[in-house]
Amino acid sequence: MKRLPRAPKRIGGVPVTKQTGKNLAGAALDIILGRAVGEEIAKERLDMCQNCELFNGSRCQACGCFMKTKVRLPTSHCPLHKWTR
């Protein structure tokens, strides 16, 4: 019988997985190097988040991220694959 995968642990609403560590490292590098997407892309991303059922007004319930910051980072992505760019 095959076991079902365990749900990831959460700390402060953020799922803690290997992928979380990779995503945080990429975000930190973007911030340190001052990299950001254009305002048009950031607005497009945030608009998609605001129409999502997992967005609570500031954070994404799927990934736990603060979206006003995350939408501006070029290495970031939507865990639900809703962002097209």
Protein backbone atom coordinates (compact mmCIF):
# COMPACT_ATOMS: atom_id res chain seq x y z
CA MET A 1 0.00 0.00 0.00
CA LYS A 2 1.37 3.41 -0.99
CA ARG A 3 1.59 6.10 1.69
CA LEU A 4 0.11 9.49 1.13
CA PRO A 5 2.56 12.40 1.25
CA ARG A 6 2.57 14.42 4.44
CA ALA A 7 1.39 17.99 4.40
CA PRO A 8 4.34 20.35 4.87
CA LYS A 9 4.88 21.91 8.28
CA ARG A 10 3.96 25.58 8.50
CA ILE A 11 5.75 28.29 10.41
CA GLY A 12 3.96 31.63 10.50
CA GLY A 13 1.67 30.49 7.71
CA VAL A 14 4.58 29.58 5.42
CA PRO A 15 4.90 25.96 4.28
CA VAL A 16 8.38 24.70 5.14
CA THR A 17 9.79 22.55 2.33
CA LYS A 18 13.02 22.33 0.33
CA GLN A 19 11.35 24.45 -2.33
CA THR A 20 10.58 27.13 0.27
CA GLY A 21 14.29 27.39 1.03
CA LYS A 22 15.15 27.71 -2.67
CA ASN A 23 12.47 30.37 -3.16
CA LEU A 24 13.69 32.38 -0.17
CA ALA A 25 17.28 32.23 -1.41
CA GLY A 26 16.20 33.53 -4.83
CA ALA A 27 14.14 36.31 -3.26
CA ALA A 28 17.04 37.31 -1.00
CA LEU A 29 19.36 37.48 -3.99
CA ASP A 30 16.86 39.63 -5.91
CA ILE A 31 16.61 42.03 -2.97
CA ILE A 32 20.37 42.20 -2.36
CA LEU A 33 21.11 42.83 -6.05
CA GLY A 34 18.23 45.29 -6.39
CA ARG A 35 16.50 43.31 -9.12
CA ALA A 36 12.80 43.95 -9.77
CA VAL A 37 10.25 43.46 -12.50
CA GLY A 38 8.60 46.47 -14.14
CA GLU A 39 5.61 48.19 -12.56
CA GLU A 40 3.30 46.81 -15.27
CA ILE A 41 4.21 43.20 -14.48
CA ALA A 42 4.05 43.78 -10.70
CA LYS A 43 0.57 45.33 -11.03
CA GLU A 44 -0.60 42.49 -13.30
CA ARG A 45 0.62 39.90 -10.78
CA LEU A 46 -0.94 41.67 -7.78
CA ASP A 47 -4.27 42.03 -9.62
CA MET A 48 -4.28 38.25 -10.19
CA CYS A 49 -3.55 37.67 -6.50
CA GLN A 50 -6.32 40.01 -5.38
CA ASN A 51 -8.80 37.96 -7.43
CA CYS A 52 -7.57 34.67 -5.94
CA GLU A 53 -9.52 32.85 -3.22
CA LEU A 54 -6.29 32.15 -1.28
CA PHE A 55 -5.28 35.83 -0.95
CA ASN A 56 -6.19 37.31 2.44
CA GLY A 57 -5.47 40.97 1.68
CA SER A 58 -1.73 40.90 2.29
CA ARG A 59 -0.55 37.27 2.22
CA CYS A 60 -1.02 34.25 0.00
CA GLN A 61 -2.41 31.27 1.90
CA ALA A 62 -0.76 28.84 -0.56
CA CYS A 63 2.83 30.02 -0.06
CA GLY A 64 2.59 32.35 2.95
CA CYS A 65 4.33 35.24 1.16
CA PHE A 66 3.60 38.94 1.53
CA MET A 67 2.41 39.66 -1.98
CA LYS A 68 3.20 43.38 -2.27
CA THR A 69 6.87 42.38 -2.08
CA LYS A 70 6.75 39.05 -3.90
CA VAL A 71 5.07 40.39 -7.07
CA ARG A 72 8.08 42.68 -7.65
CA LEU A 73 10.76 39.95 -7.52
CA PRO A 74 11.83 38.46 -10.88
CA THR A 75 12.63 34.99 -9.50
CA SER A 76 9.22 34.68 -7.79
CA HIS A 77 6.35 32.65 -9.15
CA CYS A 78 2.79 31.82 -8.19
CA PRO A 79 2.56 28.37 -6.55
CA LEU A 80 -0.80 27.93 -8.31
CA HIS A 81 0.71 28.91 -11.70
CA LYS A 82 -1.64 31.87 -12.14
CA TRP A 83 1.04 34.37 -13.17
CA THR A 84 1.79 34.32 -16.88
CA ARG A 85 5.04 36.30 -16.51
